[in-house]
Amino acid sequence: EKLLSMETVALGCYCKAGTFCHRHILKEAVIKLLEQRGLP
């Protein structure tokens, strides 16, 4: 709930940009939750 209430966030991990990484999966999950709540 704290994460979903943030105005801005960068989800960080040690993986290099452009590689398979869980931060992108997490971002998808967060976006899905925001959409379910009708949050921009």
PDB file of all heavy atoms in Angstrom:
ATOM      1  N   GLU A   1       0.837  -1.209   0.000  1.00  0.00           N
ATOM      2  CA  GLU A   1       0.000   0.000   0.000  1.00  0.00           C
ATOM      3  C   GLU A   1       0.872   1.261   0.000  1.00  0.00           C
ATOM      4  O   GLU A   1       0.549   2.243  -0.679  1.00  0.00           O
ATOM      5  CB  GLU A   1      -0.948   0.003   1.199  1.00  0.00           C
ATOM      6  CG  GLU A   1      -2.005  -1.093   1.154  1.00  0.00           C
ATOM      7  CD  GLU A   1      -2.999  -0.995   0.002  1.00  0.00           C
ATOM      8  OE1 GLU A   1      -3.079   0.057  -0.667  1.00  0.00           O
ATOM      9  OE2 GLU A   1      -3.701  -1.999  -0.231  1.00  0.00           O
ATOM     10  N   LYS A   2       1.981   1.201   0.722  1.00  0.00           N
ATOM     11  CA  LYS A   2       2.902   2.342   0.737  1.00  0.00           C
ATOM     12  C   LYS A   2       3.469   2.577  -0.661  1.00  0.00           C
ATOM     13  O   LYS A   2       3.525   3.711  -1.132  1.00  0.00           O
ATOM     14  CB  LYS A   2       4.031   2.108   1.743  1.00  0.00           C
ATOM     15  CG  LYS A   2       4.978   3.266   1.864  1.00  0.00           C
ATOM     16  CD  LYS A   2       6.020   3.021   2.935  1.00  0.00           C
ATOM     17  CE  LYS A   2       6.988   4.189   2.987  1.00  0.00           C
ATOM     18  NZ  LYS A   2       8.035   3.999   3.992  1.00  0.00           N
ATOM     19  N   LEU A   3       3.867   1.494  -1.326  1.00  0.00           N
ATOM     20  CA  LEU A   3       4.383   1.619  -2.691  1.00  0.00           C
ATOM     21  C   LEU A   3       3.312   2.194  -3.617  1.00  0.00           C
ATOM     22  O   LEU A   3       3.573   3.127  -4.374  1.00  0.00           O
ATOM     23  CB  LEU A   3       4.859   0.260  -3.213  1.00  0.00           C
ATOM     24  CG  LEU A   3       5.206   0.174  -4.705  1.00  0.00           C
ATOM     25  CD1 LEU A   3       6.304   1.163  -5.085  1.00  0.00           C
ATOM     26  CD2 LEU A   3       5.596  -1.248  -5.073  1.00  0.00           C
ATOM     27  N   LEU A   4       2.112   1.666  -3.552  1.00  0.00           N
ATOM     28  CA  LEU A   4       1.043   2.115  -4.443  1.00  0.00           C
ATOM     29  C   LEU A   4       0.639   3.567  -4.209  1.00  0.00           C
ATOM     30  O   LEU A   4       0.069   4.199  -5.096  1.00  0.00           O
ATOM     31  CB  LEU A   4      -0.177   1.201  -4.301  1.00  0.00           C
ATOM     32  CG  LEU A   4       0.029  -0.235  -4.778  1.00  0.00           C
ATOM     33  CD1 LEU A   4      -1.200  -1.076  -4.445  1.00  0.00           C
ATOM     34  CD2 LEU A   4       0.350  -0.302  -6.259  1.00  0.00           C
ATOM     35  N   SER A   5       0.951   4.096  -3.035  1.00  0.00           N
ATOM     36  CA  SER A   5       0.602   5.485  -2.733  1.00  0.00           C
ATOM     37  C   SER A   5       1.693   6.483  -3.132  1.00  0.00           C
ATOM     38  O   SER A   5       1.487   7.688  -3.039  1.00  0.00           O
ATOM     39  CB  SER A   5       0.293   5.638  -1.240  1.00  0.00           C
ATOM     40  OG  SER A   5       1.480   5.521  -0.475  1.00  0.00           O
ATOM     41  N   MET A   6       2.826   5.988  -3.584  1.00  0.00           N
ATOM     42  CA  MET A   6       3.926   6.881  -3.958  1.00  0.00           C
ATOM     43  C   MET A   6       3.591   7.654  -5.236  1.00  0.00           C
ATOM     44  O   MET A   6       2.959   7.116  -6.138  1.00  0.00           O
ATOM     45  CB  MET A   6       5.222   6.087  -4.134  1.00  0.00           C
ATOM     46  CG  MET A   6       5.712   5.436  -2.854  1.00  0.00           C
ATOM     47  SD  MET A   6       7.200   4.430  -3.096  1.00  0.00           S
ATOM     48  CE  MET A   6       8.434   5.747  -3.230  1.00  0.00           C
ATOM     49  N   GLU A   7       4.032   8.893  -5.288  1.00  0.00           N
ATOM     50  CA  GLU A   7       3.828   9.696  -6.490  1.00  0.00           C
ATOM     51  C   GLU A   7       4.802   9.308  -7.590  1.00  0.00           C
ATOM     52  O   GLU A   7       4.463   9.327  -8.771  1.00  0.00           O
ATOM     53  CB  GLU A   7       3.976  11.181  -6.169  1.00  0.00           C
ATOM     54  CG  GLU A   7       2.838  11.741  -5.344  1.00  0.00           C
ATOM     55  CD  GLU A   7       2.979  13.230  -5.109  1.00  0.00           C
ATOM     56  OE1 GLU A   7       3.577  13.925  -5.963  1.00  0.00           O
ATOM     57  OE2 GLU A   7       2.499  13.702  -4.078  1.00  0.00           O
ATOM     58  N   THR A   8       6.025   8.988  -7.182  1.00  0.00           N
ATOM     59  CA  THR A   8       7.093   8.637  -8.116  1.00  0.00           C
ATOM     60  C   THR A   8       7.967   7.573  -7.471  1.00  0.00           C
ATOM     61  O   THR A   8       8.225   7.631  -6.266  1.00  0.00           O
ATOM     62  CB  THR A   8       7.965   9.877  -8.443  1.00  0.00           C
ATOM     63  OG1 THR A   8       7.126  10.937  -8.900  1.00  0.00           O
ATOM     64  CG2 THR A   8       9.010   9.556  -9.496  1.00  0.00           C
ATOM     65  N   VAL A   9       8.442   6.616  -8.280  1.00  0.00           N
ATOM     66  CA  VAL A   9       9.328   5.577  -7.752  1.00  0.00           C
ATOM     67  C   VAL A   9      10.164   5.006  -8.890  1.00  0.00           C
ATOM     68  O   VAL A   9       9.719   4.933 -10.032  1.00  0.00           O
ATOM     69  CB  VAL A   9       8.543   4.451  -7.042  1.00  0.00           C
ATOM     70  CG1 VAL A   9       7.696   3.656  -8.020  1.00  0.00           C
ATOM     71  CG2 VAL A   9       9.472   3.547  -6.250  1.00  0.00           C
ATOM     72  N   ALA A  10      11.399   4.631  -8.544  1.00  0.00           N
ATOM     73  CA  ALA A  10      12.265   3.876  -9.449  1.00  0.00           C
ATOM     74  C   ALA A  10      12.508   2.526  -8.790  1.00  0.00           C
ATOM     75  O   ALA A  10      13.041   2.457  -7.677  1.00  0.00           O
ATOM     76  CB  ALA A  10      13.581   4.610  -9.683  1.00  0.00           C
ATOM     77  N   LEU A  11      12.089   1.458  -9.451  1.00  0.00           N
ATOM     78  CA  LEU A  11      12.263   0.104  -8.941  1.00  0.00           C
ATOM     79  C   LEU A  11      13.657  -0.361  -9.333  1.00  0.00           C
ATOM     80  O   LEU A  11      13.961  -0.487 -10.524  1.00  0.00           O
ATOM     81  CB  LEU A  11      11.198  -0.822  -9.520  1.00  0.00           C
ATOM     82  CG  LEU A  11       9.749  -0.378  -9.305  1.00  0.00           C
ATOM     83  CD1 LEU A  11       8.804  -1.285 -10.069  1.00  0.00           C
ATOM     84  CD2 LEU A  11       9.415  -0.336  -7.822  1.00  0.00           C
ATOM     85  N   GLY A  12      14.505  -0.607  -8.335  1.00  0.00           N
ATOM     86  CA  GLY A  12      15.899  -0.893  -8.609  1.00  0.00           C
ATOM     87  C   GLY A  12      16.332  -2.315  -8.351  1.00  0.00           C
ATOM     88  O   GLY A  12      15.811  -2.997  -7.473  1.00  0.00           O
ATOM     89  N   CYS A  13      17.297  -2.738  -9.155  1.00  0.00           N
ATOM     90  CA  CYS A  13      17.915  -4.053  -9.028  1.00  0.00           C
ATOM     91  C   CYS A  13      19.342  -3.943  -9.571  1.00  0.00           C
ATOM     92  O   CYS A  13      19.690  -2.951 -10.206  1.00  0.00           O
ATOM     93  CB  CYS A  13      17.119  -5.090  -9.808  1.00  0.00           C
ATOM     94  SG  CYS A  13      17.791  -6.759  -9.663  1.00  0.00           S
ATOM     95  N   TYR A  14      20.146  -4.960  -9.335  1.00  0.00           N
ATOM     96  CA  TYR A  14      21.541  -4.948  -9.791  1.00  0.00           C
ATOM     97  C   TYR A  14      21.690  -5.310 -11.263  1.00  0.00           C
ATOM     98  O   TYR A  14      22.733  -5.040 -11.864  1.00  0.00           O
ATOM     99  CB  TYR A  14      22.379  -5.915  -8.947  1.00  0.00           C
ATOM    100  CG  TYR A  14      22.478  -5.486  -7.507  1.00  0.00           C
ATOM    101  CD1 TYR A  14      21.804  -6.179  -6.509  1.00  0.00           C
ATOM    102  CD2 TYR A  14      23.240  -4.385  -7.134  1.00  0.00           C
ATOM    103  CE1 TYR A  14      21.880  -5.791  -5.180  1.00  0.00           C
ATOM    104  CE2 TYR A  14      23.316  -3.980  -5.807  1.00  0.00           C
ATOM    105  CZ  TYR A  14      22.640  -4.684  -4.837  1.00  0.00           C
ATOM    106  OH  TYR A  14      22.715  -4.287  -3.535  1.00  0.00           O
ATOM    107  N   CYS A  15      20.684  -5.904 -11.876  1.00  0.00           N
ATOM    108  CA  CYS A  15      20.788  -6.341 -13.277  1.00  0.00           C
ATOM    109  C   CYS A  15      20.998  -5.139 -14.202  1.00  0.00           C
ATOM    110  O   CYS A  15      20.459  -4.056 -13.971  1.00  0.00           O
ATOM    111  CB  CYS A  15      19.527  -7.085 -13.698  1.00  0.00           C
ATOM    112  SG  CYS A  15      19.189  -8.563 -12.735  1.00  0.00           S
ATOM    113  N   LYS A  16      21.749  -5.373 -15.264  1.00  0.00           N
ATOM    114  CA  LYS A  16      22.004  -4.315 -16.240  1.00  0.00           C
ATOM    115  C   LYS A  16      20.742  -4.015 -17.042  1.00  0.00           C
ATOM    116  O   LYS A  16      19.904  -4.889 -17.262  1.00  0.00           O
ATOM    117  CB  LYS A  16      23.123  -4.740 -17.189  1.00  0.00           C
ATOM    118  CG  LYS A  16      24.467  -4.837 -16.514  1.00  0.00           C
ATOM    119  CD  LYS A  16      25.540  -5.240 -17.494  1.00  0.00           C
ATOM    120  CE  LYS A  16      26.868  -5.334 -16.755  1.00  0.00           C
ATOM    121  NZ  LYS A  16      27.949  -5.778 -17.636  1.00  0.00           N
ATOM    122  N   ALA A  17      20.645  -2.787 -17.501  1.00  0.00           N
ATOM    123  CA  ALA A  17      19.522  -2.380 -18.356  1.00  0.00           C
ATOM    124  C   ALA A  17      19.500  -3.244 -19.610  1.00  0.00           C
ATOM    125  O   ALA A  17      20.555  -3.613 -20.133  1.00  0.00           O
ATOM    126  CB  ALA A  17      19.649  -0.911 -18.723  1.00  0.00           C
ATOM    127  N   GLY A  18      18.313  -3.587 -20.056  1.00  0.00           N
ATOM    128  CA  GLY A  18      18.168  -4.350 -21.278  1.00  0.00           C
ATOM    129  C   GLY A  18      18.248  -5.852 -21.101  1.00  0.00           C
ATOM    130  O   GLY A  18      18.136  -6.590 -22.069  1.00  0.00           O
ATOM    131  N   THR A  19      18.438  -6.313 -19.866  1.00  0.00           N
ATOM    132  CA  THR A  19      18.497  -7.756 -19.612  1.00  0.00           C
ATOM    133  C   THR A  19      17.232  -8.184 -18.869  1.00  0.00           C
ATOM    134  O   THR A  19      16.538  -7.370 -18.273  1.00  0.00           O
ATOM    135  CB  THR A  19      19.731  -8.140 -18.774  1.00  0.00           C
ATOM    136  OG1 THR A  19      19.670  -7.489 -17.503  1.00  0.00           O
ATOM    137  CG2 THR A  19      21.019  -7.741 -19.476  1.00  0.00           C
ATOM    138  N   PHE A  20      16.973  -9.480 -18.899  1.00  0.00           N
ATOM    139  CA  PHE A  20      15.843 -10.018 -18.148  1.00  0.00           C
ATOM    140  C   PHE A  20      16.056  -9.701 -16.673  1.00  0.00           C
ATOM    141  O   PHE A  20      17.131  -9.938 -16.129  1.00  0.00           O
ATOM    142  CB  PHE A  20      15.755 -11.532 -18.349  1.00  0.00           C
ATOM    143  CG  PHE A  20      14.678 -12.172 -17.532  1.00  0.00           C
ATOM    144  CD1 PHE A  20      13.357 -12.132 -17.948  1.00  0.00           C
ATOM    145  CD2 PHE A  20      14.975 -12.799 -16.331  1.00  0.00           C
ATOM    146  CE1 PHE A  20      12.360 -12.716 -17.195  1.00  0.00           C
ATOM    147  CE2 PHE A  20      13.981 -13.387 -15.568  1.00  0.00           C
ATOM    148  CZ  PHE A  20      12.671 -13.346 -15.997  1.00  0.00           C
ATOM    149  N   CYS A  21      15.036  -9.143 -16.022  1.00  0.00           N
ATOM    150  CA  CYS A  21      15.173  -8.747 -14.623  1.00  0.00           C
ATOM    151  C   CYS A  21      13.810  -8.674 -13.947  1.00  0.00           C
ATOM    152  O   CYS A  21      12.833  -8.257 -14.568  1.00  0.00           O
ATOM    153  CB  CYS A  21      15.855  -7.389 -14.530  1.00  0.00           C
ATOM    154  SG  CYS A  21      16.024  -6.793 -12.845  1.00  0.00           S
ATOM    155  N   HIS A  22      13.786  -9.038 -12.684  1.00  0.00           N
ATOM    156  CA  HIS A  22      12.525  -9.035 -11.938  1.00  0.00           C
ATOM    157  C   HIS A  22      11.948  -7.645 -11.750  1.00  0.00           C
ATOM    158  O   HIS A  22      10.753  -7.508 -11.524  1.00  0.00           O
ATOM    159  CB  HIS A  22      12.706  -9.732 -10.575  1.00  0.00           C
ATOM    160  CG  HIS A  22      13.373  -8.910  -9.556  1.00  0.00           C
ATOM    161  ND1 HIS A  22      14.747  -8.745  -9.492  1.00  0.00           N
ATOM    162  CD2 HIS A  22      12.862  -8.166  -8.546  1.00  0.00           C
ATOM    163  CE1 HIS A  22      15.041  -7.954  -8.485  1.00  0.00           C
ATOM    164  NE2 HIS A  22      13.919  -7.585  -7.891  1.00  0.00           N
ATOM    165  N   ARG A  23      12.750  -6.608 -11.839  1.00  0.00           N
ATOM    166  CA  ARG A  23      12.194  -5.259 -11.630  1.00  0.00           C
ATOM    167  C   ARG A  23      11.132  -4.934 -12.673  1.00  0.00           C
ATOM    168  O   ARG A  23      10.195  -4.196 -12.394  1.00  0.00           O
ATOM    169  CB  ARG A  23      13.294  -4.196 -11.570  1.00  0.00           C
ATOM    170  CG  ARG A  23      14.039  -3.935 -12.851  1.00  0.00           C
ATOM    171  CD  ARG A  23      15.118  -2.857 -12.632  1.00  0.00           C
ATOM    172  NE  ARG A  23      15.899  -2.595 -13.800  1.00  0.00           N
ATOM    173  CZ  ARG A  23      17.143  -3.014 -14.004  1.00  0.00           C
ATOM    174  NH1 ARG A  23      17.753  -3.740 -13.091  1.00  0.00           N
ATOM    175  NH2 ARG A  23      17.793  -2.699 -15.098  1.00  0.00           N
ATOM    176  N   HIS A  24      11.264  -5.500 -13.861  1.00  0.00           N
ATOM    177  CA  HIS A  24      10.275  -5.268 -14.906  1.00  0.00           C
ATOM    178  C   HIS A  24       8.992  -6.056 -14.633  1.00  0.00           C
ATOM    179  O   HIS A  24       7.894  -5.569 -14.907  1.00  0.00           O
ATOM    180  CB  HIS A  24      10.857  -5.615 -16.270  1.00  0.00           C
ATOM    181  CG  HIS A  24      12.123  -4.853 -16.557  1.00  0.00           C
ATOM    182  ND1 HIS A  24      12.122  -3.504 -16.832  1.00  0.00           N
ATOM    183  CD2 HIS A  24      13.412  -5.236 -16.562  1.00  0.00           C
ATOM    184  CE1 HIS A  24      13.362  -3.089 -17.006  1.00  0.00           C
ATOM    185  NE2 HIS A  24      14.173  -4.132 -16.849  1.00  0.00           N
ATOM    186  N   ILE A  25       9.144  -7.244 -14.068  1.00  0.00           N
ATOM    187  CA  ILE A  25       7.981  -8.044 -13.682  1.00  0.00           C
ATOM    188  C   ILE A  25       7.239  -7.334 -12.552  1.00  0.00           C
ATOM    189  O   ILE A  25       6.009  -7.258 -12.551  1.00  0.00           O
ATOM    190  CB  ILE A  25       8.421  -9.465 -13.260  1.00  0.00           C
ATOM    191  CG1 ILE A  25       9.132 -10.169 -14.419  1.00  0.00           C
ATOM    192  CG2 ILE A  25       7.216 -10.274 -12.772  1.00  0.00           C
ATOM    193  CD1 ILE A  25       9.860 -11.442 -14.023  1.00  0.00           C
ATOM    194  N   LEU A  26       7.985  -6.806 -11.593  1.00  0.00           N
ATOM    195  CA  LEU A  26       7.381  -6.058 -10.489  1.00  0.00           C
ATOM    196  C   LEU A  26       6.653  -4.826 -11.026  1.00  0.00           C
ATOM    197  O   LEU A  26       5.532  -4.526 -10.606  1.00  0.00           O
ATOM    198  CB  LEU A  26       8.437  -5.655  -9.460  1.00  0.00           C
ATOM    199  CG  LEU A  26       7.962  -4.762  -8.324  1.00  0.00           C
ATOM    200  CD1 LEU A  26       6.832  -5.408  -7.528  1.00  0.00           C
ATOM    201  CD2 LEU A  26       9.140  -4.409  -7.409  1.00  0.00           C
ATOM    202  N   LYS A  27       7.270  -4.131 -11.960  1.00  0.00           N
ATOM    203  CA  LYS A  27       6.613  -2.948 -12.531  1.00  0.00           C
ATOM    204  C   LYS A  27       5.287  -3.333 -13.172  1.00  0.00           C
ATOM    205  O   LYS A  27       4.286  -2.638 -12.994  1.00  0.00           O
ATOM    206  CB  LYS A  27       7.523  -2.256 -13.542  1.00  0.00           C
ATOM    207  CG  LYS A  27       6.884  -1.018 -14.166  1.00  0.00           C
ATOM    208  CD  LYS A  27       7.831  -0.248 -15.047  1.00  0.00           C
ATOM    209  CE  LYS A  27       8.069  -0.966 -16.332  1.00  0.00           C
ATOM    210  NZ  LYS A  27       8.789  -0.149 -17.334  1.00  0.00           N
ATOM    211  N   GLU A  28       5.261  -4.451 -13.894  1.00  0.00           N
ATOM    212  CA  GLU A  28       4.014  -4.926 -14.499  1.00  0.00           C
ATOM    213  C   GLU A  28       2.954  -5.177 -13.426  1.00  0.00           C
ATOM    214  O   GLU A  28       1.782  -4.825 -13.612  1.00  0.00           O
ATOM    215  CB  GLU A  28       4.259  -6.218 -15.276  1.00  0.00           C
ATOM    216  CG  GLU A  28       5.094  -6.049 -16.526  1.00  0.00           C
ATOM    217  CD  GLU A  28       5.547  -7.387 -17.113  1.00  0.00           C
ATOM    218  OE1 GLU A  28       5.091  -8.456 -16.644  1.00  0.00           O
ATOM    219  OE2 GLU A  28       6.364  -7.363 -18.049  1.00  0.00           O
ATOM    220  N   ALA A  29       3.360  -5.781 -12.319  1.00  0.00           N
ATOM    221  CA  ALA A  29       2.426  -6.074 -11.231  1.00  0.00           C
ATOM    222  C   ALA A  29       1.895  -4.782 -10.606  1.00  0.00           C
ATOM    223  O   ALA A  29       0.693  -4.666 -10.322  1.00  0.00           O
ATOM    224  CB  ALA A  29       3.096  -6.943 -10.177  1.00  0.00           C
ATOM    225  N   VAL A  30       2.773  -3.819 -10.392  1.00  0.00           N
ATOM    226  CA  VAL A  30       2.357  -2.544  -9.805  1.00  0.00           C
ATOM    227  C   VAL A  30       1.378  -1.835 -10.736  1.00  0.00           C
ATOM    228  O   VAL A  30       0.334  -1.337 -10.296  1.00  0.00           O
ATOM    229  CB  VAL A  30       3.584  -1.650  -9.489  1.00  0.00           C
ATOM    230  CG1 VAL A  30       3.163  -0.236  -9.121  1.00  0.00           C
ATOM    231  CG2 VAL A  30       4.425  -2.274  -8.384  1.00  0.00           C
ATOM    232  N   ILE A  31       1.689  -1.817 -12.015  1.00  0.00           N
ATOM    233  CA  ILE A  31       0.796  -1.178 -12.983  1.00  0.00           C
ATOM    234  C   ILE A  31      -0.568  -1.866 -12.996  1.00  0.00           C
ATOM    235  O   ILE A  31      -1.607  -1.194 -13.024  1.00  0.00           O
ATOM    236  CB  ILE A  31       1.449  -1.148 -14.384  1.00  0.00           C
ATOM    237  CG1 ILE A  31       2.588  -0.114 -14.389  1.00  0.00           C
ATOM    238  CG2 ILE A  31       0.427  -0.857 -15.475  1.00  0.00           C
ATOM    239  CD1 ILE A  31       3.449  -0.131 -15.647  1.00  0.00           C
ATOM    240  N   LYS A  32      -0.579  -3.170 -12.937  1.00  0.00           N
ATOM    241  CA  LYS A  32      -1.844  -3.906 -12.912  1.00  0.00           C
ATOM    242  C   LYS A  32      -2.677  -3.523 -11.694  1.00  0.00           C
ATOM    243  O   LYS A  32      -3.888  -3.291 -11.800  1.00  0.00           O
ATOM    244  CB  LYS A  32      -1.570  -5.411 -12.910  1.00  0.00           C
ATOM    245  CG  LYS A  32      -2.803  -6.253 -12.993  1.00  0.00           C
ATOM    246  CD  LYS A  32      -2.439  -7.731 -13.100  1.00  0.00           C
ATOM    247  CE  LYS A  32      -3.681  -8.587 -13.176  1.00  0.00           C
ATOM    248  NZ  LYS A  32      -3.356 -10.013 -13.298  1.00  0.00           N
ATOM    249  N   LEU A  33      -2.034  -3.410 -10.536  1.00  0.00           N
ATOM    250  CA  LEU A  33      -2.749  -3.020  -9.314  1.00  0.00           C
ATOM    251  C   LEU A  33      -3.269  -1.589  -9.414  1.00  0.00           C
ATOM    252  O   LEU A  33      -4.400  -1.302  -9.000  1.00  0.00           O
ATOM    253  CB  LEU A  33      -1.845  -3.176  -8.095  1.00  0.00           C
ATOM    254  CG  LEU A  33      -1.537  -4.619  -7.691  1.00  0.00           C
ATOM    255  CD1 LEU A  33      -0.393  -4.658  -6.683  1.00  0.00           C
ATOM    256  CD2 LEU A  33      -2.778  -5.291  -7.129  1.00  0.00           C
ATOM    257  N   LEU A  34      -2.467  -0.694  -9.968  1.00  0.00           N
ATOM    258  CA  LEU A  34      -2.906   0.692 -10.144  1.00  0.00           C
ATOM    259  C   LEU A  34      -4.114   0.753 -11.075  1.00  0.00           C
ATOM    260  O   LEU A  34      -5.082   1.473 -10.806  1.00  0.00           O
ATOM    261  CB  LEU A  34      -1.761   1.550 -10.686  1.00  0.00           C
ATOM    262  CG  LEU A  34      -0.587   1.785  -9.734  1.00  0.00           C
ATOM    263  CD1 LEU A  34       0.592   2.398 -10.486  1.00  0.00           C
ATOM    264  CD2 LEU A  34      -0.988   2.657  -8.551  1.00  0.00           C
ATOM    265  N   GLU A  35      -4.064  -0.015 -12.166  1.00  0.00           N
ATOM    266  CA  GLU A  35      -5.188  -0.044 -13.107  1.00  0.00           C
ATOM    267  C   GLU A  35      -6.443  -0.595 -12.446  1.00  0.00           C
ATOM    268  O   GLU A  35      -7.540  -0.062 -12.655  1.00  0.00           O
ATOM    269  CB  GLU A  35      -4.822  -0.878 -14.339  1.00  0.00           C
ATOM    270  CG  GLU A  35      -3.822  -0.204 -15.243  1.00  0.00           C
ATOM    271  CD  GLU A  35      -3.357  -1.069 -16.399  1.00  0.00           C
ATOM    272  OE1 GLU A  35      -3.526  -2.309 -16.357  1.00  0.00           O
ATOM    273  OE2 GLU A  35      -2.791  -0.493 -17.352  1.00  0.00           O
ATOM    274  N   GLN A  36      -6.294  -1.657 -11.643  1.00  0.00           N
ATOM    275  CA  GLN A  36      -7.450  -2.233 -10.952  1.00  0.00           C
ATOM    276  C   GLN A  36      -8.109  -1.229 -10.017  1.00  0.00           C
ATOM    277  O   GLN A  36      -9.319  -1.271  -9.808  1.00  0.00           O
ATOM    278  CB  GLN A  36      -7.028  -3.473 -10.161  1.00  0.00           C
ATOM    279  CG  GLN A  36      -6.728  -4.673 -11.017  1.00  0.00           C
ATOM    280  CD  GLN A  36      -6.180  -5.844 -10.219  1.00  0.00           C
ATOM    281  OE1 GLN A  36      -5.887  -5.746  -9.034  1.00  0.00           O
ATOM    282  NE2 GLN A  36      -6.013  -6.975 -10.889  1.00  0.00           N
ATOM    283  N   ARG A  37      -7.320  -0.340  -9.468  1.00  0.00           N
ATOM    284  CA  ARG A  37      -7.841   0.676  -8.545  1.00  0.00           C
ATOM    285  C   ARG A  37      -8.249   1.959  -9.255  1.00  0.00           C
ATOM    286  O   ARG A  37      -8.687   2.909  -8.616  1.00  0.00           O
ATOM    287  CB  ARG A  37      -6.793   0.987  -7.480  1.00  0.00           C
ATOM    288  CG  ARG A  37      -6.556  -0.186  -6.561  1.00  0.00           C
ATOM    289  CD  ARG A  37      -5.481   0.095  -5.565  1.00  0.00           C
ATOM    290  NE  ARG A  37      -5.394  -1.014  -4.628  1.00  0.00           N
ATOM    291  CZ  ARG A  37      -4.942  -0.898  -3.402  1.00  0.00           C
ATOM    292  NH1 ARG A  37      -4.540   0.265  -2.942  1.00  0.00           N
ATOM    293  NH2 ARG A  37      -4.890  -1.956  -2.615  1.00  0.00           N
ATOM    294  N   GLY A  38      -8.044   2.005 -10.538  1.00  0.00           N
ATOM    295  CA  GLY A  38      -8.379   3.210 -11.298  1.00  0.00           C
ATOM    296  C   GLY A  38      -7.453   4.369 -11.001  1.00  0.00           C
ATOM    297  O   GLY A  38      -7.848   5.530 -11.175  1.00  0.00           O
ATOM    298  N   LEU A  39      -6.235   4.062 -10.582  1.00  0.00           N
ATOM    299  CA  LEU A  39      -5.272   5.108 -10.237  1.00  0.00           C
ATOM    300  C   LEU A  39      -4.398   5.443 -11.441  1.00  0.00           C
ATOM    301  O   LEU A  39      -3.978   4.544 -12.178  1.00  0.00           O
ATOM    302  CB  LEU A  39      -4.402   4.657  -9.063  1.00  0.00           C
ATOM    303  CG  LEU A  39      -5.148   4.417  -7.749  1.00  0.00           C
ATOM    304  CD1 LEU A  39      -4.230   3.802  -6.710  1.00  0.00           C
ATOM    305  CD2 LEU A  39      -5.753   5.716  -7.239  1.00  0.00           C
ATOM    306  N   PRO A  40      -4.102   6.713 -11.632  1.00  0.00           N
ATOM    307  CA  PRO A  40      -3.296   7.114 -12.789  1.00  0.00           C
ATOM    308  C   PRO A  40      -1.822   6.745 -12.607  1.00  0.00           C
ATOM    309  O   PRO A  40      -1.306   6.717 -11.495  1.00  0.00           O
ATOM    310  CB  PRO A  40      -3.473   8.632 -12.831  1.00  0.00           C
ATOM    311  CG  PRO A  40      -3.743   9.016 -11.419  1.00  0.00           C
ATOM    312  CD  PRO A  40      -4.512   7.864 -10.812  1.00  0.00           C
TER     313      PRO A  40
END
